[in-house]
Amino acid sequence: MLAALGRAYAAVRWYLTSMMGDTAYAGYVAHLRRTHPDRPVPSEREFWRARYAEQGASPEGRCC
């Protein structure tokens, strides 16, 4: 029973962090290393600045 609760908690945590974008940087780094190994990996701060700048430049994908 305790193991099932632990798995449920892990699943809910994974879902929420994915929905909130908490794993976006890690996913981007993995993609960059897999598909473009010669490119430098930006810092997490640089990644988020570029991501928010892109969202601000083309807001049609957002609801608000």
C-alpha atoms as a PDB file:
ATOM      1  CA  MET A   1       0.000   0.000   0.000  1.00  0.00           C
ATOM      2  CA  LEU A   2       2.804   2.421   0.884  1.00  0.00           C
ATOM      3  CA  ALA A   3       4.623   1.626  -2.362  1.00  0.00           C
ATOM      4  CA  ALA A   4       1.470   2.386  -4.359  1.00  0.00           C
ATOM      5  CA  LEU A   5       1.118   5.752  -2.611  1.00  0.00           C
ATOM      6  CA  GLY A   6       4.757   6.532  -3.365  1.00  0.00           C
ATOM      7  CA  ARG A   7       4.273   5.734  -7.058  1.00  0.00           C
ATOM      8  CA  ALA A   8       1.094   7.837  -7.171  1.00  0.00           C
ATOM      9  CA  TYR A   9       2.890  10.756  -5.530  1.00  0.00           C
ATOM     10  CA  ALA A  10       5.785  10.463  -7.987  1.00  0.00           C
ATOM     11  CA  ALA A  11       3.384  10.392 -10.931  1.00  0.00           C
ATOM     12  CA  VAL A  12       1.475  13.464  -9.729  1.00  0.00           C
ATOM     13  CA  ARG A  13       4.730  15.306  -9.029  1.00  0.00           C
ATOM     14  CA  TRP A  14       6.078  14.467 -12.496  1.00  0.00           C
ATOM     15  CA  TYR A  15       2.828  15.651 -14.109  1.00  0.00           C
ATOM     16  CA  LEU A  16       2.746  18.945 -12.227  1.00  0.00           C
ATOM     17  CA  THR A  17       6.409  19.785 -12.783  1.00  0.00           C
ATOM     18  CA  SER A  18       6.032  18.987 -16.472  1.00  0.00           C
ATOM     19  CA  MET A  19       2.931  21.158 -16.774  1.00  0.00           C
ATOM     20  CA  MET A  20       4.601  24.071 -14.996  1.00  0.00           C
ATOM     21  CA  GLY A  21       7.688  23.877 -17.202  1.00  0.00           C
ATOM     22  CA  ASP A  22      10.095  22.951 -14.415  1.00  0.00           C
ATOM     23  CA  THR A  23      11.700  20.279 -16.599  1.00  0.00           C
ATOM     24  CA  ALA A  24      11.989  22.472 -19.698  1.00  0.00           C
ATOM     25  CA  TYR A  25      15.658  23.327 -19.224  1.00  0.00           C
ATOM     26  CA  ALA A  26      16.716  19.735 -18.562  1.00  0.00           C
ATOM     27  CA  GLY A  27      14.796  18.599 -21.638  1.00  0.00           C
ATOM     28  CA  TYR A  28      16.380  21.321 -23.751  1.00  0.00           C
ATOM     29  CA  VAL A  29      19.877  20.397 -22.592  1.00  0.00           C
ATOM     30  CA  ALA A  30      19.224  16.721 -23.367  1.00  0.00           C
ATOM     31  CA  HIS A  31      17.921  17.655 -26.828  1.00  0.00           C
ATOM     32  CA  LEU A  32      20.889  19.924 -27.503  1.00  0.00           C
ATOM     33  CA  ARG A  33      23.423  17.287 -26.499  1.00  0.00           C
ATOM     34  CA  ARG A  34      21.655  14.615 -28.539  1.00  0.00           C
ATOM     35  CA  THR A  35      21.048  16.554 -31.758  1.00  0.00           C
ATOM     36  CA  HIS A  36      23.624  19.365 -31.679  1.00  0.00           C
ATOM     37  CA  PRO A  37      26.624  18.134 -29.661  1.00  0.00           C
ATOM     38  CA  ASP A  38      28.878  20.839 -31.127  1.00  0.00           C
ATOM     39  CA  ARG A  39      26.751  23.736 -29.811  1.00  0.00           C
ATOM     40  CA  PRO A  40      27.515  25.261 -26.421  1.00  0.00           C
ATOM     41  CA  VAL A  41      24.907  24.632 -23.726  1.00  0.00           C
ATOM     42  CA  PRO A  42      23.455  27.892 -22.363  1.00  0.00           C
ATOM     43  CA  SER A  43      23.160  28.432 -18.646  1.00  0.00           C
ATOM     44  CA  GLU A  44      19.739  27.930 -17.127  1.00  0.00           C
ATOM     45  CA  ARG A  45      19.412  31.678 -16.701  1.00  0.00           C
ATOM     46  CA  GLU A  46      20.189  32.279 -20.401  1.00  0.00           C
ATOM     47  CA  PHE A  47      17.690  29.589 -21.381  1.00  0.00           C
ATOM     48  CA  TRP A  48      14.842  31.158 -19.401  1.00  0.00           C
ATOM     49  CA  ARG A  49      15.640  34.663 -20.650  1.00  0.00           C
ATOM     50  CA  ALA A  50      15.540  33.457 -24.254  1.00  0.00           C
ATOM     51  CA  ARG A  51      12.349  31.480 -23.636  1.00  0.00           C
ATOM     52  CA  TYR A  52      10.529  34.439 -22.097  1.00  0.00           C
ATOM     53  CA  ALA A  53      11.813  36.783 -24.800  1.00  0.00           C
ATOM     54  CA  GLU A  54      10.443  34.425 -27.451  1.00  0.00           C
ATOM     55  CA  GLN A  55       7.079  34.253 -25.692  1.00  0.00           C
ATOM     56  CA  GLY A  56       6.962  38.036 -25.472  1.00  0.00           C
ATOM     57  CA  ALA A  57       7.871  38.449 -29.140  1.00  0.00           C
ATOM     58  CA  SER A  58       5.146  36.074 -30.373  1.00  0.00           C
ATOM     59  CA  PRO A  59       2.296  36.023 -27.825  1.00  0.00           C
ATOM     60  CA  GLU A  60      -0.270  34.361 -30.105  1.00  0.00           C
ATOM     61  CA  GLY A  61       0.400  30.975 -28.483  1.00  0.00           C
ATOM     62  CA  ARG A  62      -0.751  32.149 -25.051  1.00  0.00           C
ATOM     63  CA  CYS A  63      -4.232  32.538 -23.671  1.00  0.00           C
ATOM     64  CA  CYS A  64      -3.626  35.823 -21.814  1.00  0.00           C
END
